[in-house]
Every structure is written in structure tokens, then in C-alpha cells.
Amino acid sequence: MNIRVANDLDYPALRSIYLESRCKHFHWADVEEMTLEDFDNHTVDEYIILAEEENRILGFVSLYLPDNFIHNLFIHPDFSGKGVGGLLLNASIEKMNKPLRLKCVSENHKAMKFYEKNGWKKEVEEGDKEKYWVMVYE
């Protein structure tokens, strides 16, 4: 598996992964409101790292470097549970300075377990309409 920085040619596949993964796993969200363009809107000014194998993009992570913040981590549904997320997390840790932070929707139990298994700690639960945990990696 290859980990590398994304480029403009990768964006069609990244948009697709972002949409497919959210539609499949975000049971608390309104799927009808999700679009391919959400990827572009939700990753403005972010550093994007992707995982690929045999020229197929398996997943990506988007980082907001000034705040050492992981904004998005998404794996194509066909490759979930195959170690892609862990590799992308490690690449993020190498790129940024500790402590790193991220937010994880409280309803996303699978993701919460994944982050905790990889050394992240819950810091505080926030949000009014939609609850999420701020998590830290030191």
C-alpha cells in the first residue's frame, strides 16, 4: 500500500469516497443533502494524504496543519477494516506536531473505538444539535 500526498487528479476519486462512505455509515445524517461537491467544500485549505493500492485510492485523511487538526478520515467502504485508516493516522502523526486533535461524532461508535484503539483520548464532548467528542493524541 502506498501513502502519498493527493493531487488534483485524485479529486474525482476522493469526492466519490467521501460521498459513498458518508452515505453508508452516517446513519444520523440526512443522506439526501450529501453531494460530491461536499468534499471540496469541507477540505478547503487542507493538506490531503491518501492511501492507494494498484492505482486505486482506498481512503484519505485531510489535515488542517496550522492547528494540528485531523478534519476528515475516510476509507472507501470496500476497504474498511483492512488497516488503511491506521496507516493514514500514522502519516498524519508524522506530518503534524503533537498534541493532535480531531472531532468525532458521538454517534459514530465504530470510529470512536478505532481512535481509542490507536491511542487517542476523549477530551470533551461538545455540540448542541449534533454531539461530538474532541479527541487528543499526545
N, C-alpha and C. Protein backbone atom coordinates (compact mmCIF):
# COMPACT_ATOMS: atom_id res chain seq x y z
N MET A 1 0.85 -1.18 0.00
CA MET A 1 0.00 0.00 0.00
C MET A 1 0.89 1.24 0.00
N ASN A 2 0.53 2.21 -0.81
CA ASN A 2 1.30 3.44 -0.95
C ASN A 2 0.56 4.58 -0.26
N ILE A 3 1.28 5.38 0.53
CA ILE A 3 0.73 6.57 1.17
C ILE A 3 1.42 7.76 0.52
N ARG A 4 0.62 8.73 0.04
CA ARG A 4 1.20 9.90 -0.62
C ARG A 4 0.27 11.10 -0.50
N VAL A 5 0.82 12.26 -0.84
CA VAL A 5 0.03 13.49 -0.85
C VAL A 5 -0.87 13.48 -2.09
N ALA A 6 -2.11 13.90 -1.91
CA ALA A 6 -3.08 13.95 -3.01
C ALA A 6 -2.74 15.09 -3.96
N ASN A 7 -3.15 14.91 -5.21
CA ASN A 7 -3.04 15.99 -6.20
C ASN A 7 -4.39 16.16 -6.89
N ASP A 8 -4.51 17.16 -7.74
CA ASP A 8 -5.79 17.48 -8.38
C ASP A 8 -6.38 16.31 -9.15
N LEU A 9 -5.55 15.47 -9.73
CA LEU A 9 -6.05 14.32 -10.50
C LEU A 9 -6.75 13.29 -9.61
N ASP A 10 -6.50 13.34 -8.31
CA ASP A 10 -7.11 12.40 -7.37
C ASP A 10 -8.51 12.84 -6.93
N TYR A 11 -8.85 14.09 -7.15
CA TYR A 11 -10.09 14.63 -6.58
C TYR A 11 -11.37 13.91 -6.99
N PRO A 12 -11.54 13.47 -8.24
CA PRO A 12 -12.78 12.74 -8.55
C PRO A 12 -12.95 11.49 -7.67
N ALA A 13 -11.91 10.73 -7.47
CA ALA A 13 -11.99 9.52 -6.63
C ALA A 13 -12.20 9.90 -5.16
N LEU A 14 -11.54 10.96 -4.70
CA LEU A 14 -11.69 11.38 -3.31
C LEU A 14 -13.11 11.86 -3.03
N ARG A 15 -13.68 12.60 -3.97
CA ARG A 15 -15.08 13.04 -3.83
C ARG A 15 -16.01 11.84 -3.69
N SER A 16 -15.78 10.86 -4.51
CA SER A 16 -16.61 9.66 -4.52
C SER A 16 -16.50 8.89 -3.20
N ILE A 17 -15.28 8.72 -2.71
CA ILE A 17 -15.07 8.02 -1.43
C ILE A 17 -15.77 8.77 -0.30
N TYR A 18 -15.62 10.08 -0.29
CA TYR A 18 -16.23 10.90 0.76
C TYR A 18 -17.75 10.74 0.77
N LEU A 19 -18.35 10.80 -0.41
CA LEU A 19 -19.80 10.68 -0.51
C LEU A 19 -20.26 9.25 -0.16
N GLU A 20 -19.65 8.24 -0.77
CA GLU A 20 -20.06 6.85 -0.53
C GLU A 20 -19.93 6.45 0.94
N SER A 21 -18.82 6.82 1.54
CA SER A 21 -18.58 6.45 2.93
C SER A 21 -19.59 7.12 3.86
N ARG A 22 -19.84 8.40 3.65
CA ARG A 22 -20.82 9.09 4.50
C ARG A 22 -22.22 8.52 4.30
N CYS A 23 -22.60 8.26 3.05
CA CYS A 23 -23.93 7.70 2.79
C CYS A 23 -24.11 6.34 3.47
N LYS A 24 -23.07 5.54 3.48
CA LYS A 24 -23.16 4.20 4.05
C LYS A 24 -23.11 4.19 5.58
N HIS A 25 -22.28 5.04 6.16
CA HIS A 25 -22.01 4.94 7.59
C HIS A 25 -22.64 6.02 8.47
N PHE A 26 -23.02 7.15 7.92
CA PHE A 26 -23.55 8.25 8.74
C PHE A 26 -25.07 8.13 8.90
N HIS A 27 -25.49 7.15 9.68
CA HIS A 27 -26.92 6.87 9.85
C HIS A 27 -27.66 8.02 10.53
N TRP A 28 -26.98 8.91 11.20
CA TRP A 28 -27.59 10.03 11.89
C TRP A 28 -27.78 11.24 10.97
N ALA A 29 -27.21 11.23 9.78
CA ALA A 29 -27.24 12.38 8.88
C ALA A 29 -28.25 12.17 7.75
N ASP A 30 -28.65 13.27 7.13
CA ASP A 30 -29.59 13.23 6.02
C ASP A 30 -28.82 12.98 4.72
N VAL A 31 -28.88 11.76 4.22
CA VAL A 31 -28.16 11.35 3.01
C VAL A 31 -28.60 12.17 1.80
N GLU A 32 -29.84 12.58 1.78
CA GLU A 32 -30.37 13.36 0.65
C GLU A 32 -29.64 14.69 0.47
N GLU A 33 -29.06 15.21 1.52
CA GLU A 33 -28.39 16.50 1.45
C GLU A 33 -26.92 16.38 1.06
N MET A 34 -26.39 15.17 0.97
CA MET A 34 -24.98 14.96 0.66
C MET A 34 -24.73 15.01 -0.84
N THR A 35 -23.60 15.66 -1.23
CA THR A 35 -23.25 15.77 -2.65
C THR A 35 -21.76 15.51 -2.84
N LEU A 36 -21.36 15.28 -4.07
CA LEU A 36 -19.94 15.12 -4.40
C LEU A 36 -19.15 16.39 -4.07
N GLU A 37 -19.79 17.54 -4.24
CA GLU A 37 -19.12 18.81 -4.01
C GLU A 37 -18.80 19.05 -2.53
N ASP A 38 -19.42 18.29 -1.63
CA ASP A 38 -19.13 18.44 -0.21
C ASP A 38 -17.65 18.26 0.07
N PHE A 39 -17.00 17.35 -0.66
CA PHE A 39 -15.58 17.12 -0.44
C PHE A 39 -14.79 18.42 -0.61
N ASP A 40 -15.03 19.11 -1.71
CA ASP A 40 -14.31 20.35 -1.98
C ASP A 40 -14.61 21.41 -0.91
N ASN A 41 -15.88 21.51 -0.53
CA ASN A 41 -16.28 22.50 0.47
C ASN A 41 -15.73 22.19 1.85
N HIS A 42 -15.56 20.92 2.18
CA HIS A 42 -15.14 20.51 3.51
C HIS A 42 -13.64 20.32 3.66
N THR A 43 -12.88 20.54 2.59
CA THR A 43 -11.42 20.36 2.67
C THR A 43 -10.65 21.60 2.19
N VAL A 44 -11.29 22.74 2.20
CA VAL A 44 -10.64 23.98 1.77
C VAL A 44 -9.40 24.23 2.64
N ASP A 45 -8.28 24.54 2.02
CA ASP A 45 -7.01 24.85 2.70
C ASP A 45 -6.46 23.70 3.53
N GLU A 46 -6.84 22.47 3.20
CA GLU A 46 -6.36 21.32 3.95
C GLU A 46 -5.33 20.53 3.16
N TYR A 47 -4.47 19.88 3.88
CA TYR A 47 -3.41 19.02 3.35
C TYR A 47 -3.99 17.61 3.30
N ILE A 48 -4.01 17.01 2.12
CA ILE A 48 -4.68 15.71 1.96
C ILE A 48 -3.67 14.63 1.63
N ILE A 49 -3.73 13.58 2.43
CA ILE A 49 -2.89 12.40 2.25
C ILE A 49 -3.81 11.25 1.87
N LEU A 50 -3.38 10.41 0.94
CA LEU A 50 -4.23 9.29 0.54
C LEU A 50 -3.47 7.98 0.61
N ALA A 51 -4.23 6.91 0.64
CA ALA A 51 -3.68 5.56 0.58
C ALA A 51 -4.17 4.95 -0.73
N GLU A 52 -3.25 4.30 -1.46
CA GLU A 52 -3.63 3.66 -2.71
C GLU A 52 -2.95 2.32 -2.84
N GLU A 53 -3.57 1.48 -3.65
CA GLU A 53 -3.01 0.17 -3.94
C GLU A 53 -3.40 -0.17 -5.38
N GLU A 54 -2.43 -0.55 -6.17
CA GLU A 54 -2.67 -0.88 -7.58
C GLU A 54 -3.45 0.23 -8.28
N ASN A 55 -3.02 1.48 -8.06
CA ASN A 55 -3.62 2.66 -8.68
C ASN A 55 -5.07 2.90 -8.28
N ARG A 56 -5.53 2.31 -7.20
CA ARG A 56 -6.88 2.57 -6.70
C ARG A 56 -6.78 3.25 -5.34
N ILE A 57 -7.45 4.38 -5.20
CA ILE A 57 -7.43 5.11 -3.93
C ILE A 57 -8.36 4.40 -2.95
N LEU A 58 -7.81 4.07 -1.78
CA LEU A 58 -8.56 3.32 -0.76
C LEU A 58 -9.14 4.22 0.31
N GLY A 59 -8.53 5.37 0.53
CA GLY A 59 -9.01 6.28 1.56
C GLY A 59 -8.12 7.51 1.62
N PHE A 60 -8.52 8.47 2.48
CA PHE A 60 -7.77 9.71 2.61
C PHE A 60 -7.95 10.30 4.00
N VAL A 61 -7.05 11.19 4.33
CA VAL A 61 -7.15 11.99 5.54
C VAL A 61 -6.89 13.43 5.13
N SER A 62 -7.66 14.38 5.67
CA SER A 62 -7.41 15.79 5.40
C SER A 62 -7.03 16.46 6.72
N LEU A 63 -5.96 17.26 6.65
CA LEU A 63 -5.37 17.86 7.84
C LEU A 63 -5.41 19.38 7.73
N TYR A 64 -5.76 20.02 8.82
CA TYR A 64 -5.62 21.47 8.90
C TYR A 64 -4.35 21.71 9.71
N LEU A 65 -3.25 21.91 8.98
CA LEU A 65 -1.91 21.95 9.58
C LEU A 65 -1.71 23.04 10.63
N PRO A 66 -2.24 24.29 10.44
CA PRO A 66 -1.98 25.32 11.45
C PRO A 66 -2.44 24.94 12.86
N ASP A 67 -3.47 24.09 12.95
CA ASP A 67 -3.99 23.70 14.26
C ASP A 67 -3.66 22.26 14.64
N ASN A 68 -2.82 21.57 13.85
CA ASN A 68 -2.52 20.15 14.10
C ASN A 68 -3.81 19.37 14.30
N PHE A 69 -4.72 19.53 13.33
CA PHE A 69 -6.08 19.02 13.44
C PHE A 69 -6.40 18.08 12.28
N ILE A 70 -6.86 16.89 12.62
CA ILE A 70 -7.36 15.97 11.59
C ILE A 70 -8.82 16.29 11.38
N HIS A 71 -9.15 16.74 10.18
CA HIS A 71 -10.52 17.14 9.89
C HIS A 71 -11.35 15.98 9.36
N ASN A 72 -10.81 15.23 8.42
CA ASN A 72 -11.54 14.13 7.81
C ASN A 72 -10.65 12.90 7.69
N LEU A 73 -11.21 11.74 7.97
CA LEU A 73 -10.53 10.47 7.71
C LEU A 73 -11.60 9.54 7.16
N PHE A 74 -11.48 9.20 5.88
CA PHE A 74 -12.50 8.38 5.22
C PHE A 74 -11.86 7.27 4.42
N ILE A 75 -12.42 6.09 4.54
CA ILE A 75 -11.97 4.91 3.83
C ILE A 75 -13.10 4.45 2.92
N HIS A 76 -12.75 4.05 1.70
CA HIS A 76 -13.77 3.50 0.80
C HIS A 76 -14.43 2.33 1.52
N PRO A 77 -15.76 2.23 1.48
CA PRO A 77 -16.46 1.15 2.20
C PRO A 77 -15.94 -0.25 1.89
N ASP A 78 -15.45 -0.50 0.69
CA ASP A 78 -14.93 -1.82 0.34
C ASP A 78 -13.62 -2.16 1.05
N PHE A 79 -12.95 -1.15 1.62
CA PHE A 79 -11.64 -1.38 2.23
C PHE A 79 -11.60 -1.09 3.73
N SER A 80 -12.76 -0.90 4.31
CA SER A 80 -12.85 -0.66 5.75
C SER A 80 -12.38 -1.90 6.51
N GLY A 81 -11.62 -1.69 7.58
CA GLY A 81 -11.16 -2.79 8.40
C GLY A 81 -9.93 -3.50 7.87
N LYS A 82 -9.25 -2.91 6.89
CA LYS A 82 -8.08 -3.56 6.28
C LYS A 82 -6.77 -2.84 6.60
N GLY A 83 -6.77 -1.96 7.61
CA GLY A 83 -5.56 -1.28 8.03
C GLY A 83 -5.28 0.05 7.37
N VAL A 84 -6.13 0.47 6.45
CA VAL A 84 -5.93 1.73 5.73
C VAL A 84 -5.99 2.92 6.69
N GLY A 85 -6.97 2.93 7.55
CA GLY A 85 -7.14 4.04 8.50
C GLY A 85 -5.94 4.20 9.42
N GLY A 86 -5.41 3.11 9.91
CA GLY A 86 -4.24 3.17 10.78
C GLY A 86 -3.03 3.75 10.08
N LEU A 87 -2.83 3.37 8.82
CA LEU A 87 -1.71 3.92 8.05
C LEU A 87 -1.88 5.43 7.82
N LEU A 88 -3.10 5.84 7.54
CA LEU A 88 -3.35 7.27 7.33
C LEU A 88 -3.20 8.05 8.64
N LEU A 89 -3.62 7.46 9.75
CA LEU A 89 -3.42 8.11 11.05
C LEU A 89 -1.94 8.29 11.33
N ASN A 90 -1.15 7.24 11.10
CA ASN A 90 0.29 7.32 11.33
C ASN A 90 0.94 8.39 10.45
N ALA A 91 0.52 8.49 9.20
CA ALA A 91 1.05 9.51 8.30
C ALA A 91 0.70 10.91 8.81
N SER A 92 -0.48 11.05 9.40
CA SER A 92 -0.92 12.34 9.96
C SER A 92 -0.07 12.71 11.16
N ILE A 93 0.19 11.74 12.02
CA ILE A 93 1.00 11.98 13.22
C ILE A 93 2.41 12.40 12.82
N GLU A 94 2.95 11.79 11.77
CA GLU A 94 4.29 12.15 11.30
C GLU A 94 4.34 13.55 10.69
N LYS A 95 3.24 13.98 10.10
CA LYS A 95 3.20 15.28 9.40
C LYS A 95 3.01 16.45 10.37
N MET A 96 2.31 16.23 11.48
CA MET A 96 1.95 17.33 12.38
C MET A 96 2.72 17.26 13.69
N ASN A 97 2.55 18.30 14.49
CA ASN A 97 3.17 18.37 15.81
C ASN A 97 2.15 17.99 16.88
N LYS A 98 2.61 17.26 17.87
CA LYS A 98 1.74 16.88 18.98
C LYS A 98 1.56 18.07 19.91
N PRO A 99 0.43 18.17 20.59
CA PRO A 99 -0.70 17.25 20.51
C PRO A 99 -1.54 17.50 19.26
N LEU A 100 -2.10 16.41 18.72
CA LEU A 100 -3.01 16.48 17.59
C LEU A 100 -4.43 16.39 18.14
N ARG A 101 -5.35 16.98 17.40
CA ARG A 101 -6.76 16.92 17.81
C ARG A 101 -7.62 16.52 16.62
N LEU A 102 -8.79 16.01 16.95
CA LEU A 102 -9.82 15.74 15.95
C LEU A 102 -11.16 15.77 16.66
N LYS A 103 -12.21 15.81 15.88
CA LYS A 103 -13.57 15.72 16.41
C LYS A 103 -14.22 14.50 15.81
N CYS A 104 -14.92 13.74 16.63
CA CYS A 104 -15.61 12.54 16.17
C CYS A 104 -17.05 12.59 16.66
N VAL A 105 -17.99 12.47 15.75
CA VAL A 105 -19.41 12.49 16.11
C VAL A 105 -19.68 11.38 17.14
N SER A 106 -20.33 11.74 18.21
CA SER A 106 -20.60 10.79 19.30
C SER A 106 -21.35 9.55 18.84
N GLU A 107 -22.21 9.71 17.85
CA GLU A 107 -22.99 8.59 17.31
C GLU A 107 -22.15 7.63 16.48
N ASN A 108 -20.95 8.03 16.11
CA ASN A 108 -20.09 7.22 15.26
C ASN A 108 -19.25 6.28 16.14
N HIS A 109 -19.91 5.29 16.71
CA HIS A 109 -19.29 4.39 17.68
C HIS A 109 -18.11 3.61 17.08
N LYS A 110 -18.23 3.21 15.84
CA LYS A 110 -17.15 2.46 15.19
C LYS A 110 -15.88 3.31 15.11
N ALA A 111 -16.04 4.57 14.72
CA ALA A 111 -14.89 5.48 14.62
C ALA A 111 -14.31 5.76 16.01
N MET A 112 -15.17 5.95 17.00
CA MET A 112 -14.70 6.21 18.36
C MET A 112 -13.80 5.06 18.84
N LYS A 113 -14.24 3.84 18.63
CA LYS A 113 -13.45 2.67 19.04
C LYS A 113 -12.12 2.63 18.29
N PHE A 114 -12.16 2.94 17.00
CA PHE A 114 -10.95 2.96 16.17
C PHE A 114 -9.93 3.95 16.73
N TYR A 115 -10.36 5.18 17.01
CA TYR A 115 -9.43 6.19 17.50
C TYR A 115 -8.87 5.80 18.87
N GLU A 116 -9.73 5.34 19.76
CA GLU A 116 -9.26 4.95 21.10
C GLU A 116 -8.26 3.79 21.01
N LYS A 117 -8.52 2.85 20.14
CA LYS A 117 -7.61 1.72 19.95
C LYS A 117 -6.24 2.20 19.45
N ASN A 118 -6.22 3.32 18.74
CA ASN A 118 -4.99 3.87 18.18
C ASN A 118 -4.36 4.96 19.06
N GLY A 119 -4.74 5.02 20.33
CA GLY A 119 -4.07 5.90 21.27
C GLY A 119 -4.67 7.28 21.47
N TRP A 120 -5.83 7.54 20.89
CA TRP A 120 -6.49 8.84 21.07
C TRP A 120 -7.32 8.80 22.34
N LYS A 121 -7.41 9.95 23.01
CA LYS A 121 -8.18 10.07 24.26
C LYS A 121 -9.30 11.08 24.09
N LYS A 122 -10.45 10.74 24.66
CA LYS A 122 -11.57 11.68 24.67
C LYS A 122 -11.19 12.84 25.60
N GLU A 123 -11.41 14.05 25.11
CA GLU A 123 -11.10 15.23 25.92
C GLU A 123 -12.38 15.86 26.46
N VAL A 124 -13.31 16.18 25.57
CA VAL A 124 -14.56 16.80 25.99
C VAL A 124 -15.62 16.55 24.92
N GLU A 125 -16.87 16.36 25.36
CA GLU A 125 -17.97 16.21 24.41
C GLU A 125 -18.63 17.57 24.25
N GLU A 126 -18.83 17.98 23.01
CA GLU A 126 -19.40 19.29 22.70
C GLU A 126 -20.53 19.15 21.70
N GLY A 127 -21.13 20.29 21.38
CA GLY A 127 -22.17 20.34 20.35
C GLY A 127 -23.56 20.45 20.93
N ASP A 128 -24.40 21.17 20.21
CA ASP A 128 -25.78 21.34 20.63
C ASP A 128 -26.69 20.35 19.91
N LYS A 129 -26.84 20.56 18.60
CA LYS A 129 -27.71 19.70 17.80
C LYS A 129 -27.08 18.33 17.60
N GLU A 130 -25.80 18.32 17.21
CA GLU A 130 -25.08 17.07 16.98
C GLU A 130 -23.89 17.02 17.93
N LYS A 131 -23.87 16.02 18.80
CA LYS A 131 -22.79 15.87 19.78
C LYS A 131 -21.56 15.25 19.12
N TYR A 132 -20.41 15.68 19.54
CA TYR A 132 -19.16 15.11 19.07
C TYR A 132 -18.13 15.18 20.19
N TRP A 133 -17.15 14.28 20.11
CA TRP A 133 -16.04 14.27 21.06
C TRP A 133 -14.84 14.96 20.44
N VAL A 134 -14.24 15.87 21.19
CA VAL A 134 -12.92 16.38 20.84
C VAL A 134 -11.95 15.35 21.40
N MET A 135 -11.07 14.86 20.54
CA MET A 135 -10.12 13.83 20.95
C MET A 135 -8.70 14.35 20.75
N VAL A 136 -7.79 13.86 21.57
CA VAL A 136 -6.40 14.34 21.53
C VAL A 136 -5.44 13.15 21.45
N TYR A 137 -4.35 13.39 20.73
CA TYR A 137 -3.27 12.40 20.64
C TYR A 137 -1.99 13.12 21.05
N GLU A 138 -1.37 12.64 22.15
CA GLU A 138 -0.17 13.31 22.68
C GLU A 138 1.07 12.47 22.51
